């Protein structure tokens, strides 16, 4: 399927719609779609996404501003029709192999009415799938309504187009658009914008690859054990905590960051025991040893600055050691504002100043699991974080809403 994304401007122009176009285009391209961007100003922002510029699509183009001023005064000039027809020809010359056009704001905003009219003309005379991604509505904005008048082309902004699928960015906007178009709300899809979790949390490509490979954004909760694999770290306790948590939280994931400790050959036997325990408890998809990602002969060892990225992604830190000299990960968790569940041993109490959740590392692991479960069921900051990751990352919006919407157009593909 080939998708053409249309707007007055495109990245690197800074704006909310332009940011949405950037993420939509790149994510759809990485998901196997052929994508191009058509705009009046901007630049190519990805070598694999063709960029087509038609100057008259730009809402600030001199001829568009001139016609816009005439239209604001209720004057429908010959120049309007001339630009409209030229845009129809120019767009048809670009969208020949397009299956679906996603037009941002053009069908509901008056910033370039010749473009709106051109798109409506194309929609009536084409088998193209067409989506109106509606952020703003001119007819419902008191700043704009003085420039709008009854009849063509102004009525295009408040009339449902027969071959157009409408999308709004929120339920509130859907209610308003349904009232404007006088259509059932069910006819309008709600697809919100997203957040770029990797960019916002400053996650490097190295760690992104790990997160994607292990599907850690889907973990709920994501529990981090920052330690090398040695017996005193009591990693089997953490694995049993995961077993207990999995009953109520099937998407729980534990990530052990370090490789086997280098100074004791018995650590390899300990690792084998842990791998066997993971298999026996049926936790292969829940417990991850990072060192495994490159295989036994070329183990993965992340530098400290990459480990800090995992702290930013983690929901919980678990630290079940039998013995510690001090407990540096507790300090790192404090800087990262990640809740800590750790062994009640003197060095940990000292480093944490009793400001963390403590458990007996020799007790039943279900006790620590209950502590963690209580936290994730009652802490509103955790719940908001998971709500955002589940519903409002660009990746989740694409997977859950954008791709299913595009799949509805399959019968229209030539």
Protein backbone atom coordinates (compact mmCIF):
# COMPACT_ATOMS: atom_id res chain seq x y z
CA UNK A 1 0.00 0.00 0.00
CA UNK A 2 1.28 3.45 -0.92
CA UNK A 3 0.36 6.29 1.44
CA UNK A 4 0.61 9.97 0.50
CA UNK A 5 0.55 12.44 3.38
CA UNK A 6 -0.67 15.95 2.50
CA UNK A 7 -0.41 19.19 4.47
CA UNK A 8 0.38 22.87 4.00
CA UNK A 9 3.87 22.26 5.42
CA UNK A 10 6.04 19.33 6.45
CA UNK A 11 9.10 18.78 8.64
CA UNK A 12 11.50 20.33 9.44
CA UNK A 13 8.89 23.09 9.84
CA UNK A 14 8.11 23.11 13.58
CA UNK A 15 4.50 22.50 14.55
CA UNK A 16 2.20 19.92 16.09
CA UNK A 17 0.82 18.70 12.76
CA UNK A 18 4.29 18.64 11.21
CA UNK A 19 5.56 16.55 14.13
CA UNK A 20 2.68 14.13 13.63
CA UNK A 21 3.53 13.84 9.93
CA UNK A 22 7.16 13.11 10.79
CA UNK A 23 6.28 10.24 13.10
CA UNK A 24 3.47 8.84 10.93
CA UNK A 25 5.67 8.79 7.84
CA UNK A 26 8.69 7.17 9.48
CA UNK A 27 6.72 4.60 11.44
CA UNK A 28 4.59 3.59 8.46
CA UNK A 29 7.71 3.29 6.32
CA UNK A 30 9.41 1.10 8.93
CA UNK A 31 6.25 -1.06 9.00
CA UNK A 32 6.56 -1.82 5.30
CA UNK A 33 4.33 0.82 3.75
CA UNK A 34 5.43 2.96 0.84
CA UNK A 35 5.10 6.56 2.01
CA UNK A 36 5.49 9.97 0.40
CA UNK A 37 4.88 13.49 1.70
CA UNK A 38 3.30 16.31 -0.30
CA UNK A 39 3.51 19.84 1.07
CA UNK A 40 3.87 23.50 0.18
CA UNK A 41 7.04 24.03 2.19
CA UNK A 42 9.47 21.84 4.07
CA UNK A 43 12.29 19.51 3.14
CA UNK A 44 13.04 15.83 2.67
CA UNK A 45 13.54 14.38 6.16
CA UNK A 46 14.14 10.71 5.33
CA UNK A 47 15.96 9.23 2.35
CA UNK A 48 13.32 6.49 2.04
CA UNK A 49 10.34 8.88 2.07
CA UNK A 50 9.96 10.94 -1.13
CA UNK A 51 9.07 14.59 -0.60
CA UNK A 52 7.07 16.52 -3.22
CA UNK A 53 6.72 20.27 -2.97
CA UNK A 54 3.92 22.21 -4.67
CA UNK A 55 4.39 25.87 -3.69
CA UNK A 56 0.67 26.70 -3.94
CA UNK A 57 -0.09 24.16 -1.21
CA UNK A 58 1.72 26.45 1.21
CA UNK A 59 -0.88 28.48 3.12
CA UNK A 60 1.56 31.43 3.05
CA UNK A 61 2.10 31.43 -0.71
CA UNK A 62 1.41 34.97 -2.10
CA UNK A 63 -1.33 33.83 -4.49
CA UNK A 64 -3.01 31.81 -1.72
CA UNK A 65 -2.89 34.79 0.65
CA UNK A 66 -4.39 37.02 -2.06
CA UNK A 67 -7.23 34.61 -2.80
CA UNK A 68 -7.69 34.03 0.94
CA UNK A 69 -8.17 37.74 1.54
CA UNK A 70 -10.74 37.85 -1.27
CA UNK A 71 -12.58 34.86 0.15
CA UNK A 72 -12.58 36.43 3.62
CA UNK A 73 -14.50 39.27 2.06
CA UNK A 74 -16.93 36.91 0.37
CA UNK A 75 -15.39 37.27 -3.11
CA UNK A 76 -15.05 34.08 -5.16
CA UNK A 77 -12.74 35.12 -8.00
CA UNK A 78 -11.64 33.46 -11.22
CA UNK A 79 -8.18 33.14 -9.69
CA UNK A 80 -9.61 30.80 -7.05
CA UNK A 81 -10.86 28.41 -9.72
CA UNK A 82 -7.62 28.72 -11.68
CA UNK A 83 -5.50 27.76 -8.66
CA UNK A 84 -7.93 24.98 -7.72
CA UNK A 85 -7.75 23.40 -11.17
CA UNK A 86 -3.96 23.75 -11.32
CA UNK A 87 -3.68 22.02 -7.95
CA UNK A 88 -5.92 19.19 -9.18
CA UNK A 89 -3.59 18.66 -12.14
CA UNK A 90 -0.42 18.93 -10.04
CA UNK A 91 -1.69 16.54 -7.38
CA UNK A 92 -2.96 14.01 -9.92
CA UNK A 93 0.52 14.03 -11.45
CA UNK A 94 2.03 13.00 -8.10
CA UNK A 95 -0.53 10.60 -6.63
CA UNK A 96 -0.75 8.22 -9.55
CA UNK A 97 0.33 5.14 -7.56
CA UNK A 98 -1.18 6.29 -4.26
CA UNK A 99 -3.71 4.04 -2.55
CA UNK A 100 -4.60 6.28 0.41
CA UNK A 101 -4.16 10.02 0.92
CA UNK A 102 -3.95 11.30 4.49
CA UNK A 103 -4.79 15.01 4.42
CA UNK A 104 -4.09 16.91 7.62
CA UNK A 105 -6.54 19.75 8.35
CA UNK A 106 -7.19 20.55 4.67
CA UNK A 107 -10.86 19.37 4.64
CA UNK A 108 -11.84 21.32 7.79
CA UNK A 109 -9.59 24.40 7.89
CA UNK A 110 -9.74 27.48 5.63
CA UNK A 111 -5.99 28.20 5.41
CA UNK A 112 -5.93 27.22 1.72
CA UNK A 113 -9.43 26.90 0.29
CA UNK A 114 -8.24 26.33 -3.29
CA UNK A 115 -6.40 23.26 -1.96
CA UNK A 116 -9.49 22.13 -0.03
CA UNK A 117 -11.57 22.46 -3.20
CA UNK A 118 -8.94 20.64 -5.27
CA UNK A 119 -8.85 17.75 -2.81
CA UNK A 120 -12.65 17.54 -2.80
CA UNK A 121 -12.62 17.45 -6.62
CA UNK A 122 -10.12 14.61 -6.59
CA UNK A 123 -12.13 12.70 -3.97
CA UNK A 124 -15.25 12.82 -6.19
CA UNK A 125 -13.45 11.61 -9.31
CA UNK A 126 -11.05 9.01 -7.92
CA UNK A 127 -11.07 5.56 -6.40
CA UNK A 128 -8.42 6.67 -3.95
CA UNK A 129 -8.90 6.03 -0.28
CA UNK A 130 -8.87 9.36 1.52
CA UNK A 131 -8.52 10.21 5.21
CA UNK A 132 -9.14 13.66 6.69
CA UNK A 133 -6.92 13.94 9.79
CA UNK A 134 -8.73 16.78 11.55
CA UNK A 135 -6.94 18.82 14.18
CA UNK A 136 -8.82 22.14 13.77
CA UNK A 137 -12.26 23.20 12.54
CA UNK A 138 -12.63 26.67 11.02
CA UNK A 139 -16.41 26.79 11.40
CA UNK A 140 -16.12 26.23 15.16
CA UNK A 141 -13.43 28.82 15.86
CA UNK A 142 -14.63 32.34 16.63
CA UNK A 143 -11.35 33.72 15.27
CA UNK A 144 -12.09 32.25 11.85
CA UNK A 145 -15.87 32.41 11.41
CA UNK A 146 -15.89 36.12 10.34
CA UNK A 147 -13.90 35.02 7.26
CA UNK A 148 -16.38 32.27 6.34
CA UNK A 149 -19.54 32.62 4.24
CA UNK A 150 -22.42 30.49 3.06
CA UNK A 151 -21.98 28.44 -0.07
CA UNK A 152 -19.06 27.03 -2.04
CA UNK A 153 -16.18 26.69 -1.16
CA UNK A 154 -16.72 27.58 2.51
CA UNK A 155 -19.38 24.89 3.00
CA UNK A 156 -16.80 22.22 2.11
CA UNK A 157 -15.37 22.76 5.59
CA UNK A 158 -18.60 21.75 7.34
CA UNK A 159 -20.10 19.22 4.94
CA UNK A 160 -19.23 15.50 4.98
CA UNK A 161 -17.50 14.40 1.80
CA UNK A 162 -18.92 11.08 0.56
CA UNK A 163 -15.59 9.34 -0.04
CA UNK A 164 -13.71 10.71 2.97
CA UNK A 165 -12.92 8.93 6.24
CA UNK A 166 -12.68 11.41 9.12
CA UNK A 167 -10.19 11.13 12.01
CA UNK A 168 -9.91 13.43 15.02
CA UNK A 169 -7.19 13.55 17.65
CA UNK A 170 -9.46 13.30 20.71
CA UNK A 171 -12.95 12.28 21.79
CA UNK A 172 -13.75 15.93 22.49
CA UNK A 173 -12.81 16.87 18.92
CA UNK A 174 -14.84 13.95 17.57
CA UNK A 175 -17.96 15.21 19.36
CA UNK A 176 -17.45 18.69 17.95
CA UNK A 177 -16.78 17.46 14.42
CA UNK A 178 -19.80 15.15 14.46
CA UNK A 179 -21.97 18.11 15.43
CA UNK A 180 -20.41 20.26 12.71
CA UNK A 181 -20.85 17.65 9.97
CA UNK A 182 -24.17 16.40 11.39
CA UNK A 183 -23.03 12.79 11.31
CA UNK A 184 -22.97 10.08 14.01
CA UNK A 185 -19.86 10.12 16.18
CA UNK A 186 -19.34 6.47 15.28
CA UNK A 187 -18.52 7.59 11.72
CA UNK A 188 -15.42 9.40 13.00
CA UNK A 189 -12.29 7.63 14.22
CA UNK A 190 -10.32 8.95 17.21
CA UNK A 191 -6.56 8.51 16.84
CA UNK A 192 -4.46 10.60 19.25
CA UNK A 193 -0.97 11.91 18.67
CA UNK A 194 1.78 10.10 20.52
CA UNK A 195 4.99 10.65 22.42
CA UNK A 196 8.41 9.46 21.32
CA UNK A 197 9.43 7.53 24.42
CA UNK A 198 12.97 6.90 23.18
CA UNK A 199 13.62 10.53 22.34
CA UNK A 200 12.01 11.88 25.48
CA UNK A 201 13.95 9.52 27.76
CA UNK A 202 17.14 9.98 25.69
CA UNK A 203 17.45 6.28 24.83
CA UNK A 204 20.29 5.52 22.42
CA UNK A 205 19.93 3.17 19.42
CA UNK A 206 21.92 0.49 21.27
CA UNK A 207 19.38 0.29 24.08
CA UNK A 208 16.46 0.80 21.69
CA UNK A 209 17.53 -2.36 19.90
CA UNK A 210 17.52 -4.27 23.18
CA UNK A 211 14.12 -2.89 24.17
CA UNK A 212 12.63 -3.74 20.78
CA UNK A 213 14.17 -7.21 20.68
CA UNK A 214 12.86 -8.11 24.13
CA UNK A 215 9.61 -6.12 23.68
CA UNK A 216 10.26 -4.35 26.97
CA UNK A 217 7.83 -1.51 26.27
CA UNK A 218 5.09 -4.13 26.55
CA UNK A 219 6.34 -5.27 29.96
CA UNK A 220 3.96 -4.47 32.80
CA UNK A 221 5.79 -3.95 35.06
CA UNK A 222 9.38 -3.81 33.83
CA UNK A 223 11.63 -4.84 36.72
CA UNK A 224 15.37 -4.24 36.55
CA UNK A 225 18.02 -6.16 38.48
CA UNK A 226 21.29 -4.25 37.94
CA UNK A 227 23.92 -6.82 38.92
CA UNK A 228 26.48 -9.29 37.70
CA UNK A 229 25.55 -12.95 37.91
CA UNK A 230 27.07 -14.12 41.20
CA UNK A 231 25.52 -16.17 44.00
CA UNK A 232 25.55 -13.38 46.57
CA UNK A 233 23.21 -11.38 44.30
CA UNK A 234 20.48 -13.93 45.05
CA UNK A 235 19.07 -13.75 41.53
CA UNK A 236 17.02 -16.91 41.99
CA UNK A 237 14.97 -14.97 44.55
CA UNK A 238 14.11 -12.36 41.92
CA UNK A 239 13.14 -15.06 39.42
CA UNK A 240 10.77 -16.59 41.97
CA UNK A 241 9.31 -13.13 42.62
CA UNK A 242 8.50 -12.97 38.91
CA UNK A 243 6.86 -16.40 39.09
CA UNK A 244 4.61 -15.13 41.86
CA UNK A 245 3.84 -11.84 40.11
CA UNK A 246 3.02 -13.51 36.80
CA UNK A 247 -0.27 -14.88 38.16
CA UNK A 248 -1.77 -11.38 38.35
CA UNK A 249 0.61 -9.58 36.00
CA UNK A 250 1.27 -11.89 33.06
CA UNK A 251 3.31 -9.28 31.17
CA UNK A 252 5.82 -8.78 33.98
CA UNK A 253 9.44 -8.79 32.82
CA UNK A 254 12.72 -9.04 34.73
CA UNK A 255 15.97 -7.85 33.14
CA UNK A 256 19.30 -8.87 34.69
CA UNK A 257 21.87 -6.46 33.34
CA UNK A 258 25.25 -8.08 33.99
CA UNK A 259 27.20 -11.11 32.74
CA UNK A 260 28.56 -13.85 35.02
CA UNK A 261 31.06 -12.46 37.51
CA UNK A 262 34.62 -12.79 36.12
CA UNK A 263 36.50 -13.87 39.24
CA UNK A 264 34.82 -17.11 40.28
CA UNK A 265 34.50 -20.07 37.88
CA UNK A 266 31.57 -21.29 39.95
CA UNK A 267 29.51 -18.42 38.55
CA UNK A 268 29.04 -20.39 35.32
CA UNK A 269 27.47 -23.23 37.28
CA UNK A 270 25.30 -20.65 39.06
CA UNK A 271 24.20 -19.24 35.73
CA UNK A 272 23.27 -22.71 34.50
CA UNK A 273 21.18 -23.17 37.62
CA UNK A 274 19.39 -19.86 36.99
CA UNK A 275 18.69 -20.74 33.36
CA UNK A 276 17.30 -24.08 34.45
CA UNK A 277 15.11 -22.40 37.05
CA UNK A 278 13.80 -19.98 34.46
CA UNK A 279 12.87 -22.89 32.20
CA UNK A 280 11.32 -24.98 34.98
CA UNK A 281 9.13 -22.06 36.06
CA UNK A 282 8.07 -21.37 32.45
CA UNK A 283 9.47 -17.83 32.53
CA UNK A 284 11.46 -17.84 29.28
CA UNK A 285 9.49 -14.86 27.97
CA UNK A 286 9.51 -13.03 31.30
CA UNK A 287 13.12 -13.25 32.54
CA UNK A 288 15.92 -11.84 30.39
CA UNK A 289 19.68 -12.01 30.89
CA UNK A 290 21.18 -9.26 28.73
CA UNK A 291 24.43 -11.14 28.28
CA UNK A 292 22.50 -13.72 26.20
CA UNK A 293 21.70 -11.25 23.45
CA UNK A 294 25.00 -11.83 21.68
CA UNK A 295 25.39 -15.51 22.44
CA UNK A 296 27.82 -17.38 24.64
CA UNK A 297 31.01 -16.53 22.73
CA UNK A 298 30.33 -12.81 22.33
CA UNK A 299 28.44 -11.69 25.39
CA UNK A 300 26.73 -8.33 25.66
CA UNK A 301 28.20 -6.06 28.34
CA UNK A 302 26.59 -2.64 28.51
CA UNK A 303 28.64 0.33 29.75
CA UNK A 304 27.36 2.25 32.75
CA UNK A 305 25.92 5.08 30.67
CA UNK A 306 23.73 2.58 28.81
CA UNK A 307 22.64 0.93 32.07
CA UNK A 308 21.36 4.33 33.20
CA UNK A 309 19.00 4.30 30.21
CA UNK A 310 17.48 1.07 31.48
CA UNK A 311 16.91 2.76 34.84
CA UNK A 312 14.91 5.46 33.03
CA UNK A 313 12.81 2.79 31.31
CA UNK A 314 12.29 0.57 34.37
CA UNK A 315 9.18 0.62 36.54
CA UNK A 316 10.83 -1.08 39.52
CA UNK A 317 14.34 -1.95 40.72
CA UNK A 318 14.79 -5.19 42.61
CA UNK A 319 17.96 -5.79 44.61
CA UNK A 320 17.75 -9.11 46.50
CA UNK A 321 21.42 -9.55 47.50
CA UNK A 322 22.42 -11.61 50.49
CA UNK A 323 25.55 -9.48 50.95
CA UNK A 324 26.73 -6.10 49.66
CA UNK A 325 29.60 -3.77 50.41
CA UNK A 326 27.37 -0.73 50.03
CA UNK A 327 24.62 -0.80 47.36
CA UNK A 328 25.36 1.69 44.57
CA UNK A 329 22.31 0.65 42.45
CA UNK A 330 20.08 1.98 45.24
CA UNK A 331 21.66 5.42 44.82
CA UNK A 332 21.30 5.21 41.03
CA UNK A 333 17.65 4.28 41.41
CA UNK A 334 17.16 7.28 43.68
CA UNK A 335 18.59 9.60 41.04
CA UNK A 336 16.33 7.95 38.46
CA UNK A 337 13.24 8.21 40.70
CA UNK A 338 12.57 4.50 40.32
CA UNK A 339 11.06 2.69 43.33
CA UNK A 340 13.38 0.14 44.90
CA UNK A 341 12.52 -3.20 46.49
CA UNK A 342 15.65 -4.51 48.16
CA UNK A 343 17.11 -6.83 50.76
CA UNK A 344 16.88 -5.69 54.35
CA UNK A 345 20.62 -5.80 54.98
CA UNK A 346 22.78 -3.17 56.74
CA UNK A 347 24.61 -1.73 53.68
CA UNK A 348 21.33 -1.26 51.82
CA UNK A 349 19.65 0.39 54.80
CA UNK A 350 22.67 2.69 55.06
CA UNK A 351 22.71 3.73 51.41
CA UNK A 352 18.93 4.19 51.22
CA UNK A 353 18.41 5.87 54.59
CA UNK A 354 15.40 3.55 54.99
CA UNK A 355 13.61 5.32 52.09
CA UNK A 356 13.00 2.17 50.04
CA UNK A 357 10.90 -0.99 50.29
CA UNK A 358 12.73 -3.73 52.18
CA UNK A 359 12.26 -7.50 52.38
CA UNK A 360 14.06 -10.44 53.96
CA UNK A 361 16.16 -12.05 51.18
CA UNK A 362 15.79 -15.44 52.88
CA UNK A 363 12.02 -15.26 53.16
CA UNK A 364 9.28 -16.49 50.81
CA UNK A 365 9.66 -14.54 47.50
CA UNK A 366 5.87 -14.16 47.36
CA UNK A 367 6.15 -11.63 50.20
CA UNK A 368 8.32 -9.34 48.06
CA UNK A 369 6.03 -10.03 45.10
CA UNK A 370 3.04 -8.86 47.13
CA UNK A 371 4.91 -5.66 48.02
CA UNK A 372 5.56 -4.96 44.36
CA UNK A 373 2.02 -5.87 43.36
CA UNK A 374 0.57 -3.52 45.96
CA UNK A 375 2.79 -0.73 44.68
CA UNK A 376 1.82 -1.10 41.03
CA UNK A 377 -1.87 -1.38 41.88
CA UNK A 378 -1.93 1.74 44.04
CA UNK A 379 0.73 4.15 42.79
CA UNK A 380 -0.87 6.69 40.43
CA UNK A 381 2.45 7.79 38.94
CA UNK A 382 3.18 4.20 37.91
CA UNK A 383 -0.32 3.78 36.52
CA UNK A 384 -0.06 7.00 34.51
CA UNK A 385 3.31 5.92 33.12
CA UNK A 386 1.94 2.54 32.04
CA UNK A 387 -1.17 4.23 30.60
CA UNK A 388 1.01 6.48 28.46
CA UNK A 389 3.31 3.67 27.30
CA UNK A 390 0.38 1.39 26.51
CA UNK A 391 -1.78 3.93 24.70
CA UNK A 392 0.15 7.02 23.71
CA UNK A 393 3.56 6.13 22.36
CA UNK A 394 3.83 6.52 18.61
CA UNK A 395 4.52 2.79 18.37
CA UNK A 396 1.33 1.83 20.22
CA UNK A 397 -0.81 4.35 18.30
CA UNK A 398 0.51 2.96 15.01
CA UNK A 399 -0.01 -0.67 15.96
CA UNK A 400 -3.42 -0.37 17.61
CA UNK A 401 -5.11 2.32 15.53
CA UNK A 402 -3.38 3.62 12.41
CA UNK A 403 -2.59 0.29 10.74
CA UNK A 404 -6.08 -1.16 11.42
CA UNK A 405 -7.58 1.98 9.87
CA UNK A 406 -5.42 1.67 6.76
CA UNK A 407 -6.32 -2.01 6.44
CA UNK A 408 -9.96 -0.98 5.96
CA UNK A 409 -8.91 0.48 2.60
CA UNK A 410 -7.58 -2.83 1.22
CA UNK A 411 -10.61 -3.38 -1.05
CA UNK A 412 -9.93 0.03 -2.63
CA UNK A 413 -6.38 -0.81 -3.66
CA UNK A 414 -6.09 -0.93 -7.40
